Structure formats: C-alpha cells, structure tokens
Amino acid sequence: GTTVSLCRIGGESGPGIFKNVMVLPSGMFMISSITFGEYFNKDSLQKATIVPVNDVDTFGRYIAPSLQINIRFAGEEPFDSVTRQYNELMRDRLPYFGVDFYEIPRFTVNDEAVNATYIRECLQRGDVEATKKYLTEVSYEYIRSGKVKLREMKHKVV
C-alpha cells in the first residue's frame, strides 16, 4: 500500500527514499485556521486546554476514507502543550473512524529530546556546528550547503 503523509518535508532526499510514501499539502482542512485555529496561537495557549475536535473529525470522517488512510502518524511532542493535546485527541478519536494512531517517539541525543526551535535559534545566530549532533547527516549537509535561507527555516523540517 501507499502511506500518505500530509506534511511538508525539507530537502531532496526526504520522502523520495520511501517508495510507498506520498507527500501532499495539508490544504484548508488539516491543521488549518478553519479547523484548528488554536494551533496558530499556541504560544499564548500553552497553559490552556484545547479540543480540536473539528480538525480530527474532519480527517477521520472525510480525508482518511477518501485517501484510504487507515493509520495516522504524528511525532511525540514533549515541548508544546497544544500539539501534545492534539496528539492525545487523535489517539482517542481516530479509532472511531477506523484509523489507528501511532505516535513516533521524539528523536533524542544522549537522552535529550531534539527541539527544532533550538536548532533554528542556533542557525539564526550562525552556529551551524551546534546543530550537528541533533540532525541527520543529510539534514546537516543540506543546511551547511547554504541552500536554506534563514527566512525559510521556520517552514522547513530539519
């Protein structure tokens, strides 16, 4: 079968290494301001309880059946309360739609969870070397190559 990933992956060797992965834009109905507005205000909502039922149910009821998705993957989120609550809701609700949920453990280095915000901060101050231990070789070399501009970095997965 084909695994459909509704996300953006930076770099040329991202999804191309998997023959059964299709990467699609999330559009207006996946983690969008229409279905999950809290995601775009998460800095001010870290202590709040959020319930993004519209987003999860839209995925389960319409998107998953249309694309024949029966499992959804998301990365573990130890730093961001809004995203962590979103993952918890997907774990609870998606099975009702026949979709299994699998949370991928956060990549760690020496028992320290890798934090993309920290990596971006290092890169913005020009300290590329400090990021090396947190990135795959492909990602590190891609960043070192200079193909990524700092203003683009907020939108890239490293």
Protein backbone atom coordinates (compact mmCIF):
# COMPACT_ATOMS: atom_id res chain seq x y z
CA GLY A 1 0.00 0.00 0.00
CA THR A 2 0.83 3.67 -0.05
CA THR A 3 1.36 5.74 3.05
CA VAL A 4 0.05 9.28 2.62
CA SER A 5 1.75 11.97 4.63
CA LEU A 6 0.01 15.31 4.78
CA CYS A 7 3.02 17.43 5.63
CA ARG A 8 5.99 19.28 4.20
CA ILE A 9 9.42 17.69 4.25
CA GLY A 10 12.51 19.80 3.51
CA GLY A 11 15.41 18.60 1.43
CA GLU A 12 15.62 16.48 -1.67
CA SER A 13 16.14 13.11 0.00
CA GLY A 14 13.14 13.28 2.35
CA PRO A 15 10.14 11.34 1.01
CA GLY A 16 11.90 10.12 -2.14
CA ILE A 17 13.70 7.42 -0.20
CA PHE A 18 10.37 5.68 0.53
CA LYS A 19 8.59 4.24 -2.49
CA ASN A 20 5.26 3.87 -0.66
CA VAL A 21 5.04 7.45 0.71
CA MET A 22 3.10 10.24 -0.95
CA VAL A 23 3.52 13.80 0.38
CA LEU A 24 0.58 16.14 -0.10
CA PRO A 25 -0.11 19.70 1.07
CA SER A 26 -2.44 19.87 4.06
CA GLY A 27 -4.72 22.47 2.47
CA MET A 28 -7.67 24.17 4.16
CA PHE A 29 -8.88 21.22 6.23
CA MET A 30 -5.84 19.80 8.01
CA ILE A 31 -4.39 21.77 10.89
CA SER A 32 -5.74 24.95 9.33
CA SER A 33 -7.09 28.15 10.84
CA ILE A 34 -10.55 26.86 9.85
CA THR A 35 -10.38 23.53 11.69
CA PHE A 36 -7.71 24.14 14.35
CA GLY A 37 -7.19 27.85 14.95
CA GLU A 38 -5.55 27.20 18.32
CA TYR A 39 -2.51 25.80 16.53
CA PHE A 40 -1.72 29.24 15.15
CA ASN A 41 -1.95 30.90 18.59
CA LYS A 42 -0.18 28.19 20.53
CA ASP A 43 2.38 30.46 22.20
CA SER A 44 -0.43 32.10 24.19
CA LEU A 45 -2.29 28.82 24.81
CA GLN A 46 0.39 26.63 26.41
CA LYS A 47 -1.49 26.53 29.74
CA ALA A 48 -4.96 26.23 28.17
CA THR A 49 -6.99 23.11 27.50
CA ILE A 50 -7.75 22.82 23.79
CA VAL A 51 -10.10 20.43 22.00
CA PRO A 52 -9.50 20.46 18.21
CA VAL A 53 -12.37 18.05 17.51
CA ASN A 54 -13.25 19.70 14.18
CA ASP A 55 -9.81 19.00 12.76
CA VAL A 56 -9.57 15.40 13.97
CA ASP A 57 -13.14 14.56 12.97
CA THR A 58 -12.74 16.15 9.52
CA PHE A 59 -9.71 13.97 8.98
CA GLY A 60 -11.42 10.82 10.26
CA ARG A 61 -14.75 11.35 8.56
CA TYR A 62 -13.70 12.75 5.16
CA ILE A 63 -9.97 12.80 4.43
CA ALA A 64 -8.98 9.32 5.66
CA PRO A 65 -11.72 7.46 3.74
CA SER A 66 -11.14 9.49 0.56
CA LEU A 67 -7.42 8.69 0.58
CA GLN A 68 -7.84 5.19 2.05
CA ILE A 69 -5.78 6.07 5.12
CA ASN A 70 -6.07 3.60 7.97
CA ILE A 71 -3.18 4.79 10.15
CA ARG A 72 -2.01 8.27 11.03
CA PHE A 73 1.45 9.04 12.36
CA ALA A 74 2.48 12.07 14.42
CA GLY A 75 5.64 12.93 16.27
CA GLU A 76 5.74 12.88 20.05
CA GLU A 77 5.65 16.43 21.43
CA PRO A 78 7.32 16.95 24.81
CA PHE A 79 7.69 20.75 24.48
CA ASP A 80 4.41 22.11 23.08
CA SER A 81 1.20 21.60 25.10
CA VAL A 82 -1.14 22.43 22.18
CA THR A 83 0.41 19.86 19.85
CA ARG A 84 0.60 17.30 22.66
CA GLN A 85 -3.14 17.71 23.33
CA TYR A 86 -3.83 17.38 19.60
CA ASN A 87 -1.94 14.08 19.54
CA GLU A 88 -3.90 12.86 22.59
CA LEU A 89 -7.19 13.70 20.89
CA MET A 90 -6.14 11.88 17.70
CA ARG A 91 -5.21 8.82 19.79
CA ASP A 92 -8.65 8.89 21.44
CA ARG A 93 -10.90 9.74 18.46
CA LEU A 94 -9.36 8.36 15.26
CA PRO A 95 -10.10 4.70 16.10
CA TYR A 96 -13.84 5.55 15.97
CA PHE A 97 -13.28 6.28 12.27
CA GLY A 98 -11.28 3.10 11.65
CA VAL A 99 -7.96 4.95 11.72
CA ASP A 100 -5.17 3.78 14.00
CA PHE A 101 -2.90 6.42 15.52
CA TYR A 102 0.81 5.93 16.05
CA GLU A 103 2.92 8.49 17.89
CA ILE A 104 6.54 8.36 16.78
CA PRO A 105 8.90 8.82 19.73
CA ARG A 106 10.86 12.07 19.66
CA PHE A 107 14.39 11.74 18.36
CA THR A 108 16.82 12.06 21.25
CA VAL A 109 20.53 12.59 21.56
CA ASN A 110 22.07 11.46 24.87
CA ASP A 111 18.54 11.21 26.35
CA GLU A 112 17.83 14.83 25.34
CA ALA A 113 14.78 15.41 23.09
CA VAL A 114 15.67 17.26 19.91
CA ASN A 115 13.94 20.62 19.70
CA ALA A 116 13.54 22.25 16.25
CA THR A 117 13.15 25.69 17.85
CA TYR A 118 16.59 25.34 19.43
CA ILE A 119 18.05 24.27 16.09
CA ARG A 120 16.53 27.29 14.31
CA GLU A 121 17.90 29.60 17.03
CA CYS A 122 21.40 28.16 16.53
CA LEU A 123 21.16 28.65 12.80
CA GLN A 124 19.84 32.19 13.10
CA ARG A 125 22.88 33.16 15.15
CA GLY A 126 25.12 31.40 12.62
CA ASP A 127 26.13 28.48 14.84
CA VAL A 128 25.62 25.65 12.33
CA GLU A 129 28.13 23.43 14.13
CA ALA A 130 25.97 23.39 17.31
CA THR A 131 23.19 21.70 15.34
CA LYS A 132 25.28 18.80 14.06
CA LYS A 133 24.60 16.40 16.94
CA TYR A 134 20.83 16.94 16.59
CA LEU A 135 20.45 16.45 12.83
CA THR A 136 20.73 13.56 10.44
CA GLU A 137 23.77 13.73 8.20
CA VAL A 138 21.53 14.53 5.20
CA SER A 139 19.84 17.45 7.01
CA TYR A 140 23.12 18.79 8.38
CA GLU A 141 24.79 18.73 4.97
CA TYR A 142 21.73 20.33 3.36
CA ILE A 143 21.89 23.23 5.84
CA ARG A 144 25.67 23.54 5.51
CA SER A 145 25.30 23.73 1.72
CA GLY A 146 23.68 27.15 2.07
CA LYS A 147 20.57 26.14 0.08
CA VAL A 148 18.34 27.16 3.00
CA LYS A 149 17.78 30.86 3.67
CA LEU A 150 17.12 31.87 7.28
CA ARG A 151 13.68 33.31 6.50
CA GLU A 152 12.69 29.92 5.01
CA MET A 153 13.86 27.96 8.02
CA LYS A 154 10.71 28.46 10.05
CA HIS A 155 8.84 26.44 7.43
CA LYS A 156 11.38 23.67 6.86
CA VAL A 157 11.57 20.40 8.69
CA VAL A 158 15.22 19.82 9.58
